[in-house]
Amino acid sequence: MNTQQAGSDGIATIIPYKNPKALTAYYLAVFSLIPVLGMILGPAALILGLKGLKVAKEHPELKGTAHAWVGIIGGGLVIFGHVAVILLFVVIWASNSR
């Protein structure tokens, strides 16, 4: 392994550019923390995280497992949070309309 290839592999470990699904899932999970925008980005982060994890398991040399997990967990938590807030508003609205 030459020096240039070793440096490239080090960067791929930190930023898995060879696994764009995992990398995109990571960024979508981060930006899904923005209220309301997370309703769109959270599910996308979850789906791309699952796809990126599958790619990382099938081709370990592509890296991206950690980024995929951030997408899965972050996207899932954002989805859960939005559903919880919507249910809370429904319960409050139902109790006030009595």
PDB file of N, CA and C in Angstrom:
ATOM      1  N   MET A   1       0.862  -1.186   0.000  1.00  0.00           N
ATOM      2  CA  MET A   1       0.000   0.000   0.000  1.00  0.00           C
ATOM      3  C   MET A   1       0.896   1.231   0.000  1.00  0.00           C
ATOM      4  N   ASN A   2       0.697   2.091  -0.964  1.00  0.00           N
ATOM      5  CA  ASN A   2       1.522   3.293  -1.019  1.00  0.00           C
ATOM      6  C   ASN A   2       0.990   4.355  -0.062  1.00  0.00           C
ATOM      7  N   THR A   3       1.772   5.408   0.117  1.00  0.00           N
ATOM      8  CA  THR A   3       1.416   6.455   1.073  1.00  0.00           C
ATOM      9  C   THR A   3       0.129   7.173   0.688  1.00  0.00           C
ATOM     10  N   GLN A   4      -0.049   7.437  -0.600  1.00  0.00           N
ATOM     11  CA  GLN A   4      -1.256   8.139  -1.060  1.00  0.00           C
ATOM     12  C   GLN A   4      -2.499   7.299  -0.790  1.00  0.00           C
ATOM     13  N   GLN A   5      -2.419   5.990  -1.023  1.00  0.00           N
ATOM     14  CA  GLN A   5      -3.570   5.117  -0.774  1.00  0.00           C
ATOM     15  C   GLN A   5      -3.845   5.010   0.724  1.00  0.00           C
ATOM     16  N   ALA A   6      -2.795   4.968   1.558  1.00  0.00           N
ATOM     17  CA  ALA A   6      -2.971   4.904   3.003  1.00  0.00           C
ATOM     18  C   ALA A   6      -3.661   6.162   3.507  1.00  0.00           C
ATOM     19  N   GLY A   7      -3.260   7.344   2.988  1.00  0.00           N
ATOM     20  CA  GLY A   7      -3.899   8.596   3.387  1.00  0.00           C
ATOM     21  C   GLY A   7      -5.341   8.643   2.966  1.00  0.00           C
ATOM     22  N   SER A   8      -5.631   8.133   1.784  1.00  0.00           N
ATOM     23  CA  SER A   8      -6.998   8.100   1.268  1.00  0.00           C
ATOM     24  C   SER A   8      -7.881   7.197   2.133  1.00  0.00           C
ATOM     25  N   ASP A   9      -7.350   6.068   2.581  1.00  0.00           N
ATOM     26  CA  ASP A   9      -8.111   5.166   3.447  1.00  0.00           C
ATOM     27  C   ASP A   9      -8.380   5.797   4.803  1.00  0.00           C
ATOM     28  N   GLY A  10      -7.446   6.591   5.301  1.00  0.00           N
ATOM     29  CA  GLY A  10      -7.649   7.291   6.570  1.00  0.00           C
ATOM     30  C   GLY A  10      -8.776   8.302   6.474  1.00  0.00           C
ATOM     31  N   ILE A  11      -8.817   9.022   5.368  1.00  0.00           N
ATOM     32  CA  ILE A  11      -9.898   9.990   5.159  1.00  0.00           C
ATOM     33  C   ILE A  11     -11.227   9.263   5.004  1.00  0.00           C
ATOM     34  N   ALA A  12     -11.225   8.128   4.299  1.00  0.00           N
ATOM     35  CA  ALA A  12     -12.468   7.358   4.103  1.00  0.00           C
ATOM     36  C   ALA A  12     -13.008   6.831   5.420  1.00  0.00           C
ATOM     37  N   THR A  13     -12.143   6.623   6.397  1.00  0.00           N
ATOM     38  CA  THR A  13     -12.597   6.172   7.705  1.00  0.00           C
ATOM     39  C   THR A  13     -13.350   7.293   8.426  1.00  0.00           C
ATOM     40  N   ILE A  14     -12.853   8.520   8.290  1.00  0.00           N
ATOM     41  CA  ILE A  14     -13.478   9.658   8.951  1.00  0.00           C
ATOM     42  C   ILE A  14     -14.675  10.176   8.163  1.00  0.00           C
ATOM     43  N   ILE A  15     -14.514  10.288   6.854  1.00  0.00           N
ATOM     44  CA  ILE A  15     -15.590  10.761   5.967  1.00  0.00           C
ATOM     45  C   ILE A  15     -15.805   9.675   4.916  1.00  0.00           C
ATOM     46  N   PRO A  16     -16.819   8.845   5.091  1.00  0.00           N
ATOM     47  CA  PRO A  16     -16.997   7.698   4.189  1.00  0.00           C
ATOM     48  C   PRO A  16     -17.559   8.098   2.826  1.00  0.00           C
ATOM     49  N   TYR A  17     -16.739   8.806   2.037  1.00  0.00           N
ATOM     50  CA  TYR A  17     -17.195   9.296   0.739  1.00  0.00           C
ATOM     51  C   TYR A  17     -17.451   8.163  -0.249  1.00  0.00           C
ATOM     52  N   LYS A  18     -16.925   6.975   0.037  1.00  0.00           N
ATOM     53  CA  LYS A  18     -17.176   5.828  -0.836  1.00  0.00           C
ATOM     54  C   LYS A  18     -18.525   5.174  -0.545  1.00  0.00           C
ATOM     55  N   ASN A  19     -19.169   5.574   0.540  1.00  0.00           N
ATOM     56  CA  ASN A  19     -20.498   5.075   0.904  1.00  0.00           C
ATOM     57  C   ASN A  19     -21.417   6.298   1.037  1.00  0.00           C
ATOM     58  N   PRO A  20     -21.868   6.843  -0.093  1.00  0.00           N
ATOM     59  CA  PRO A  20     -22.637   8.096  -0.044  1.00  0.00           C
ATOM     60  C   PRO A  20     -23.973   7.979   0.682  1.00  0.00           C
ATOM     61  N   LYS A  21     -24.550   6.794   0.739  1.00  0.00           N
ATOM     62  CA  LYS A  21     -25.828   6.640   1.452  1.00  0.00           C
ATOM     63  C   LYS A  21     -25.620   6.857   2.946  1.00  0.00           C
ATOM     64  N   ALA A  22     -24.566   6.293   3.487  1.00  0.00           N
ATOM     65  CA  ALA A  22     -24.278   6.467   4.915  1.00  0.00           C
ATOM     66  C   ALA A  22     -23.919   7.916   5.226  1.00  0.00           C
ATOM     67  N   LEU A  23     -23.124   8.529   4.372  1.00  0.00           N
ATOM     68  CA  LEU A  23     -22.718   9.918   4.584  1.00  0.00           C
ATOM     69  C   LEU A  23     -23.911  10.862   4.495  1.00  0.00           C
ATOM     70  N   THR A  24     -24.776  10.632   3.519  1.00  0.00           N
ATOM     71  CA  THR A  24     -25.975  11.464   3.371  1.00  0.00           C
ATOM     72  C   THR A  24     -26.910  11.264   4.557  1.00  0.00           C
ATOM     73  N   ALA A  25     -27.061  10.024   5.029  1.00  0.00           N
ATOM     74  CA  ALA A  25     -27.901   9.745   6.196  1.00  0.00           C
ATOM     75  C   ALA A  25     -27.415  10.519   7.411  1.00  0.00           C
ATOM     76  N   TYR A  26     -26.110  10.582   7.583  1.00  0.00           N
ATOM     77  CA  TYR A  26     -25.517  11.317   8.700  1.00  0.00           C
ATOM     78  C   TYR A  26     -25.918  12.794   8.654  1.00  0.00           C
ATOM     79  N   TYR A  27     -25.712  13.416   7.495  1.00  0.00           N
ATOM     80  CA  TYR A  27     -26.032  14.839   7.373  1.00  0.00           C
ATOM     81  C   TYR A  27     -27.529  15.104   7.471  1.00  0.00           C
ATOM     82  N   LEU A  28     -28.340  14.217   6.930  1.00  0.00           N
ATOM     83  CA  LEU A  28     -29.793  14.387   7.052  1.00  0.00           C
ATOM     84  C   LEU A  28     -30.223  14.283   8.512  1.00  0.00           C
ATOM     85  N   ALA A  29     -29.607  13.375   9.262  1.00  0.00           N
ATOM     86  CA  ALA A  29     -29.941  13.236  10.682  1.00  0.00           C
ATOM     87  C   ALA A  29     -29.569  14.508  11.444  1.00  0.00           C
ATOM     88  N   VAL A  30     -28.431  15.079  11.120  1.00  0.00           N
ATOM     89  CA  VAL A  30     -28.007  16.314  11.789  1.00  0.00           C
ATOM     90  C   VAL A  30     -28.976  17.455  11.471  1.00  0.00           C
ATOM     91  N   PHE A  31     -29.309  17.631  10.184  1.00  0.00           N
ATOM     92  CA  PHE A  31     -30.194  18.723   9.795  1.00  0.00           C
ATOM     93  C   PHE A  31     -31.653  18.458  10.145  1.00  0.00           C
ATOM     94  N   SER A  32     -31.990  17.213  10.446  1.00  0.00           N
ATOM     95  CA  SER A  32     -33.368  16.911  10.841  1.00  0.00           C
ATOM     96  C   SER A  32     -33.682  17.415  12.240  1.00  0.00           C
ATOM     97  N   LEU A  33     -32.682  17.879  12.957  1.00  0.00           N
ATOM     98  CA  LEU A  33     -32.913  18.455  14.278  1.00  0.00           C
ATOM     99  C   LEU A  33     -33.583  19.823  14.191  1.00  0.00           C
ATOM    100  N   ILE A  34     -33.639  20.390  12.997  1.00  0.00           N
ATOM    101  CA  ILE A  34     -34.338  21.656  12.793  1.00  0.00           C
ATOM    102  C   ILE A  34     -35.834  21.361  12.848  1.00  0.00           C
ATOM    103  N   PRO A  35     -36.578  21.997  13.756  1.00  0.00           N
ATOM    104  CA  PRO A  35     -38.004  21.701  13.892  1.00  0.00           C
ATOM    105  C   PRO A  35     -38.744  21.823  12.558  1.00  0.00           C
ATOM    106  N   VAL A  36     -39.731  21.009  12.395  1.00  0.00           N
ATOM    107  CA  VAL A  36     -40.597  20.890  11.224  1.00  0.00           C
ATOM    108  C   VAL A  36     -39.844  20.297  10.030  1.00  0.00           C
ATOM    109  N   LEU A  37     -38.651  20.791   9.733  1.00  0.00           N
ATOM    110  CA  LEU A  37     -37.858  20.231   8.643  1.00  0.00           C
ATOM    111  C   LEU A  37     -37.536  18.762   8.919  1.00  0.00           C
ATOM    112  N   GLY A  38     -37.462  18.416  10.192  1.00  0.00           N
ATOM    113  CA  GLY A  38     -37.187  17.039  10.582  1.00  0.00           C
ATOM    114  C   GLY A  38     -38.265  16.055  10.182  1.00  0.00           C
ATOM    115  N   MET A  39     -39.476  16.555   9.950  1.00  0.00           N
ATOM    116  CA  MET A  39     -40.554  15.663   9.520  1.00  0.00           C
ATOM    117  C   MET A  39     -40.244  15.064   8.146  1.00  0.00           C
ATOM    118  N   ILE A  40     -39.471  15.767   7.342  1.00  0.00           N
ATOM    119  CA  ILE A  40     -39.084  15.271   6.025  1.00  0.00           C
ATOM    120  C   ILE A  40     -37.717  14.586   6.092  1.00  0.00           C
ATOM    121  N   LEU A  41     -36.783  15.214   6.766  1.00  0.00           N
ATOM    122  CA  LEU A  41     -35.411  14.717   6.786  1.00  0.00           C
ATOM    123  C   LEU A  41     -35.227  13.491   7.680  1.00  0.00           C
ATOM    124  N   GLY A  42     -36.005  13.385   8.763  1.00  0.00           N
ATOM    125  CA  GLY A  42     -35.876  12.243   9.674  1.00  0.00           C
ATOM    126  C   GLY A  42     -36.120  10.907   8.995  1.00  0.00           C
ATOM    127  N   PRO A  43     -37.261  10.738   8.324  1.00  0.00           N
ATOM    128  CA  PRO A  43     -37.490   9.469   7.619  1.00  0.00           C
ATOM    129  C   PRO A  43     -36.444   9.196   6.532  1.00  0.00           C
ATOM    130  N   ALA A  44     -36.010  10.244   5.821  1.00  0.00           N
ATOM    131  CA  ALA A  44     -34.989  10.061   4.788  1.00  0.00           C
ATOM    132  C   ALA A  44     -33.670   9.602   5.411  1.00  0.00           C
ATOM    133  N   ALA A  45     -33.321  10.167   6.567  1.00  0.00           N
ATOM    134  CA  ALA A  45     -32.095   9.767   7.267  1.00  0.00           C
ATOM    135  C   ALA A  45     -32.177   8.311   7.701  1.00  0.00           C
ATOM    136  N   LEU A  46     -33.331   7.921   8.205  1.00  0.00           N
ATOM    137  CA  LEU A  46     -33.520   6.538   8.649  1.00  0.00           C
ATOM    138  C   LEU A  46     -33.384   5.566   7.483  1.00  0.00           C
ATOM    139  N   ILE A  47     -34.047   5.847   6.387  1.00  0.00           N
ATOM    140  CA  ILE A  47     -34.012   4.955   5.219  1.00  0.00           C
ATOM    141  C   ILE A  47     -32.606   4.883   4.622  1.00  0.00           C
ATOM    142  N   LEU A  48     -31.973   6.035   4.415  1.00  0.00           N
ATOM    143  CA  LEU A  48     -30.622   6.026   3.853  1.00  0.00           C
ATOM    144  C   LEU A  48     -29.611   5.408   4.818  1.00  0.00           C
ATOM    145  N   GLY A  49     -29.842   5.570   6.119  1.00  0.00           N
ATOM    146  CA  GLY A  49     -28.969   4.935   7.104  1.00  0.00           C
ATOM    147  C   GLY A  49     -29.039   3.423   7.012  1.00  0.00           C
ATOM    148  N   LEU A  50     -30.246   2.895   6.846  1.00  0.00           N
ATOM    149  CA  LEU A  50     -30.395   1.443   6.690  1.00  0.00           C
ATOM    150  C   LEU A  50     -29.717   0.952   5.416  1.00  0.00           C
ATOM    151  N   LYS A  51     -29.887   1.702   4.337  1.00  0.00           N
ATOM    152  CA  LYS A  51     -29.247   1.324   3.070  1.00  0.00           C
ATOM    153  C   LYS A  51     -27.725   1.445   3.172  1.00  0.00           C
ATOM    154  N   GLY A  52     -27.249   2.508   3.820  1.00  0.00           N
ATOM    155  CA  GLY A  52     -25.806   2.690   3.992  1.00  0.00           C
ATOM    156  C   GLY A  52     -25.195   1.618   4.869  1.00  0.00           C
ATOM    157  N   LEU A  53     -25.930   1.181   5.889  1.00  0.00           N
ATOM    158  CA  LEU A  53     -25.446   0.105   6.751  1.00  0.00           C
ATOM    159  C   LEU A  53     -25.349  -1.203   5.976  1.00  0.00           C
ATOM    160  N   LYS A  54     -26.322  -1.445   5.116  1.00  0.00           N
ATOM    161  CA  LYS A  54     -26.293  -2.651   4.286  1.00  0.00           C
ATOM    162  C   LYS A  54     -25.079  -2.641   3.368  1.00  0.00           C
ATOM    163  N   VAL A  55     -24.809  -1.492   2.753  1.00  0.00           N
ATOM    164  CA  VAL A  55     -23.642  -1.361   1.879  1.00  0.00           C
ATOM    165  C   VAL A  55     -22.356  -1.584   2.681  1.00  0.00           C
ATOM    166  N   ALA A  56     -22.280  -1.000   3.875  1.00  0.00           N
ATOM    167  CA  ALA A  56     -21.084  -1.137   4.709  1.00  0.00           C
ATOM    168  C   ALA A  56     -20.863  -2.585   5.143  1.00  0.00           C
ATOM    169  N   LYS A  57     -21.939  -3.325   5.372  1.00  0.00           N
ATOM    170  CA  LYS A  57     -21.793  -4.734   5.766  1.00  0.00           C
ATOM    171  C   LYS A  57     -21.384  -5.603   4.582  1.00  0.00           C
ATOM    172  N   GLU A  58     -21.919  -5.275   3.392  1.00  0.00           N
ATOM    173  CA  GLU A  58     -21.580  -6.052   2.202  1.00  0.00           C
ATOM    174  C   GLU A  58     -20.171  -5.741   1.695  1.00  0.00           C
ATOM    175  N   HIS A  59     -19.733  -4.499   1.877  1.00  0.00           N
ATOM    176  CA  HIS A  59     -18.423  -4.049   1.405  1.00  0.00           C
ATOM    177  C   HIS A  59     -17.723  -3.268   2.518  1.00  0.00           C
ATOM    178  N   PRO A  60     -17.130  -3.970   3.492  1.00  0.00           N
ATOM    179  CA  PRO A  60     -16.518  -3.289   4.647  1.00  0.00           C
ATOM    180  C   PRO A  60     -15.440  -2.273   4.259  1.00  0.00           C
ATOM    181  N   GLU A  61     -14.815  -2.453   3.109  1.00  0.00           N
ATOM    182  CA  GLU A  61     -13.765  -1.526   2.698  1.00  0.00           C
ATOM    183  C   GLU A  61     -14.316  -0.135   2.367  1.00  0.00           C
ATOM    184  N   LEU A  62     -15.616  -0.022   2.161  1.00  0.00           N
ATOM    185  CA  LEU A  62     -16.229   1.275   1.852  1.00  0.00           C
ATOM    186  C   LEU A  62     -16.470   2.118   3.097  1.00  0.00           C
ATOM    187  N   LYS A  63     -16.392   1.504   4.264  1.00  0.00           N
ATOM    188  CA  LYS A  63     -16.570   2.205   5.557  1.00  0.00           C
ATOM    189  C   LYS A  63     -17.993   2.774   5.691  1.00  0.00           C
ATOM    190  N   GLY A  64     -18.235   3.594   6.681  1.00  0.00           N
ATOM    191  CA  GLY A  64     -19.503   4.291   6.839  1.00  0.00           C
ATOM    192  C   GLY A  64     -20.462   3.697   7.846  1.00  0.00           C
ATOM    193  N   THR A  65     -20.057   2.668   8.587  1.00  0.00           N
ATOM    194  CA  THR A  65     -20.960   2.050   9.553  1.00  0.00           C
ATOM    195  C   THR A  65     -21.418   3.044  10.614  1.00  0.00           C
ATOM    196  N   ALA A  66     -20.495   3.808  11.165  1.00  0.00           N
ATOM    197  CA  ALA A  66     -20.859   4.774  12.214  1.00  0.00           C
ATOM    198  C   ALA A  66     -21.781   5.858  11.672  1.00  0.00           C
ATOM    199  N   HIS A  67     -21.504   6.340  10.484  1.00  0.00           N
ATOM    200  CA  HIS A  67     -22.348   7.374   9.882  1.00  0.00           C
ATOM    201  C   HIS A  67     -23.749   6.824   9.611  1.00  0.00           C
ATOM    202  N   ALA A  68     -23.821   5.580   9.168  1.00  0.00           N
ATOM    203  CA  ALA A  68     -25.126   4.962   8.915  1.00  0.00           C
ATOM    204  C   ALA A  68     -25.917   4.840  10.219  1.00  0.00           C
ATOM    205  N   TRP A  69     -25.238   4.437  11.300  1.00  0.00           N
ATOM    206  CA  TRP A  69     -25.930   4.308  12.585  1.00  0.00           C
ATOM    207  C   TRP A  69     -26.412   5.660  13.109  1.00  0.00           C
ATOM    208  N   VAL A  70     -25.631   6.707  12.886  1.00  0.00           N
ATOM    209  CA  VAL A  70     -26.083   8.050  13.283  1.00  0.00           C
ATOM    210  C   VAL A  70     -27.350   8.404  12.520  1.00  0.00           C
ATOM    211  N   GLY A  71     -27.389   8.072  11.233  1.00  0.00           N
ATOM    212  CA  GLY A  71     -28.589   8.317  10.432  1.00  0.00           C
ATOM    213  C   GLY A  71     -29.780   7.532  10.921  1.00  0.00           C
ATOM    214  N   ILE A  72     -29.565   6.273  11.253  1.00  0.00           N
ATOM    215  CA  ILE A  72     -30.655   5.405  11.725  1.00  0.00           C
ATOM    216  C   ILE A  72     -31.184   5.894  13.068  1.00  0.00           C
ATOM    217  N   ILE A  73     -30.296   6.068  14.024  1.00  0.00           N
ATOM    218  CA  ILE A  73     -30.715   6.465  15.374  1.00  0.00           C
ATOM    219  C   ILE A  73     -31.251   7.896  15.385  1.00  0.00           C
ATOM    220  N   GLY A  74     -30.519   8.801  14.738  1.00  0.00           N
ATOM    221  CA  GLY A  74     -30.963  10.202  14.698  1.00  0.00           C
ATOM    222  C   GLY A  74     -32.293  10.345  13.986  1.00  0.00           C
ATOM    223  N   GLY A  75     -32.421   9.719  12.835  1.00  0.00           N
ATOM    224  CA  GLY A  75     -33.681   9.779  12.092  1.00  0.00           C
ATOM    225  C   GLY A  75     -34.827   9.162  12.872  1.00  0.00           C
ATOM    226  N   GLY A  76     -34.567   8.032  13.519  1.00  0.00           N
ATOM    227  CA  GLY A  76     -35.608   7.382  14.322  1.00  0.00           C
ATOM    228  C   GLY A  76     -36.054   8.232  15.495  1.00  0.00           C
ATOM    229  N   LEU A  77     -35.096   8.851  16.176  1.00  0.00           N
ATOM    230  CA  LEU A  77     -35.448   9.708  17.312  1.00  0.00           C
ATOM    231  C   LEU A  77     -36.236  10.940  16.880  1.00  0.00           C
ATOM    232  N   VAL A  78     -35.866  11.500  15.739  1.00  0.00           N
ATOM    233  CA  VAL A  78     -36.582  12.676  15.235  1.00  0.00           C
ATOM    234  C   VAL A  78     -38.010  12.296  14.848  1.00  0.00           C
ATOM    235  N   ILE A  79     -38.178  11.150  14.208  1.00  0.00           N
ATOM    236  CA  ILE A  79     -39.522  10.673  13.860  1.00  0.00           C
ATOM    237  C   ILE A  79     -40.339  10.484  15.125  1.00  0.00           C
ATOM    238  N   PHE A  80     -39.746   9.804  16.119  1.00  0.00           N
ATOM    239  CA  PHE A  80     -40.430   9.567  17.384  1.00  0.00           C
ATOM    240  C   PHE A  80     -40.818  10.890  18.046  1.00  0.00           C
ATOM    241  N   GLY A  81     -39.898  11.848  18.048  1.00  0.00           N
ATOM    242  CA  GLY A  81     -40.181  13.143  18.663  1.00  0.00           C
ATOM    243  C   GLY A  81     -41.318  13.876  17.972  1.00  0.00           C
ATOM    244  N   HIS A  82     -41.344  13.868  16.664  1.00  0.00           N
ATOM    245  CA  HIS A  82     -42.419  14.549  15.938  1.00  0.00           C
ATOM    246  C   HIS A  82     -43.767  13.869  16.170  1.00  0.00           C
ATOM    247  N   VAL A  83     -43.766  12.541  16.179  1.00  0.00           N
ATOM    248  CA  VAL A  83     -45.016  11.818  16.445  1.00  0.00           C
ATOM    249  C   VAL A  83     -45.501  12.123  17.864  1.00  0.00           C
ATOM    250  N   ALA A  84     -44.578  12.163  18.829  1.00  0.00           N
ATOM    251  CA  ALA A  84     -44.952  12.462  20.209  1.00  0.00           C
ATOM    252  C   ALA A  84     -45.539  13.864  20.345  1.00  0.00           C
ATOM    253  N   VAL A  85     -44.941  14.833  19.679  1.00  0.00           N
ATOM    254  CA  VAL A  85     -45.449  16.210  19.742  1.00  0.00           C
ATOM    255  C   VAL A  85     -46.822  16.305  19.083  1.00  0.00           C
ATOM    256  N   ILE A  86     -47.001  15.654  17.952  1.00  0.00           N
ATOM    257  CA  ILE A  86     -48.305  15.665  17.277  1.00  0.00           C
ATOM    258  C   ILE A  86     -49.370  15.022  18.160  1.00  0.00           C
ATOM    259  N   LEU A  87     -49.038  13.885  18.775  1.00  0.00           N
ATOM    260  CA  LEU A  87     -50.001  13.232  19.678  1.00  0.00           C
ATOM    261  C   LEU A  87     -50.317  14.112  20.881  1.00  0.00           C
ATOM    262  N   LEU A  88     -49.325  14.801  21.399  1.00  0.00           N
ATOM    263  CA  LEU A  88     -49.544  15.703  22.523  1.00  0.00           C
ATOM    264  C   LEU A  88     -50.509  16.824  22.142  1.00  0.00           C
ATOM    265  N   PHE A  89     -50.310  17.404  20.960  1.00  0.00           N
ATOM    266  CA  PHE A  89     -51.221  18.449  20.489  1.00  0.00           C
ATOM    267  C   PHE A  89     -52.638  17.912  20.304  1.00  0.00           C
ATOM    268  N   VAL A  90     -52.769  16.697  19.807  1.00  0.00           N
ATOM    269  CA  VAL A  90     -54.094  16.094  19.620  1.00  0.00           C
ATOM    270  C   VAL A  90     -54.776  15.886  20.965  1.00  0.00           C
ATOM    271  N   VAL A  91     -54.037  15.398  21.948  1.00  0.00           N
ATOM    272  CA  VAL A  91     -54.604  15.173  23.278  1.00  0.00           C
ATOM    273  C   VAL A  91     -55.014  16.499  23.913  1.00  0.00           C
ATOM    274  N   ILE A  92     -54.173  17.511  23.807  1.00  0.00           N
ATOM    275  CA  ILE A  92     -54.513  18.825  24.362  1.00  0.00           C
ATOM    276  C   ILE A  92     -55.727  19.404  23.653  1.00  0.00           C
ATOM    277  N   TRP A  93     -55.777  19.306  22.340  1.00  0.00           N
ATOM    278  CA  TRP A  93     -56.918  19.829  21.576  1.00  0.00           C
ATOM    279  C   TRP A  93     -58.186  19.078  21.942  1.00  0.00           C
ATOM    280  N   ALA A  94     -58.111  17.760  22.110  1.00  0.00           N
ATOM    281  CA  ALA A  94     -59.290  16.972  22.450  1.00  0.00           C
ATOM    282  C   ALA A  94     -59.785  17.324  23.863  1.00  0.00           C
ATOM    283  N   SER A  95     -58.858  17.562  24.794  1.00  0.00           N
ATOM    284  CA  SER A  95     -59.274  17.874  26.154  1.00  0.00           C
ATOM    285  C   SER A  95     -59.860  19.296  26.243  1.00  0.00           C
ATOM    286  N   ASN A  96     -59.421  20.193  25.397  1.00  0.00           N
ATOM    287  CA  ASN A  96     -59.941  21.563  25.408  1.00  0.00           C
ATOM    288  C   ASN A  96     -61.277  21.681  24.671  1.00  0.00           C
ATOM    289  N   SER A  97     -61.589  20.747  23.796  1.00  0.00           N
ATOM    290  CA  SER A  97     -62.828  20.856  23.026  1.00  0.00           C
ATOM    291  C   SER A  97     -64.033  20.234  23.760  1.00  0.00           C
ATOM    292  N   ARG A  98     -63.812  19.713  24.944  1.00  0.00           N
ATOM    293  CA  ARG A  98     -64.909  19.106  25.708  1.00  0.00           C
ATOM    294  C   ARG A  98     -65.732  20.143  26.364  1.00  0.00           C
TER     295      ARG A  98
END
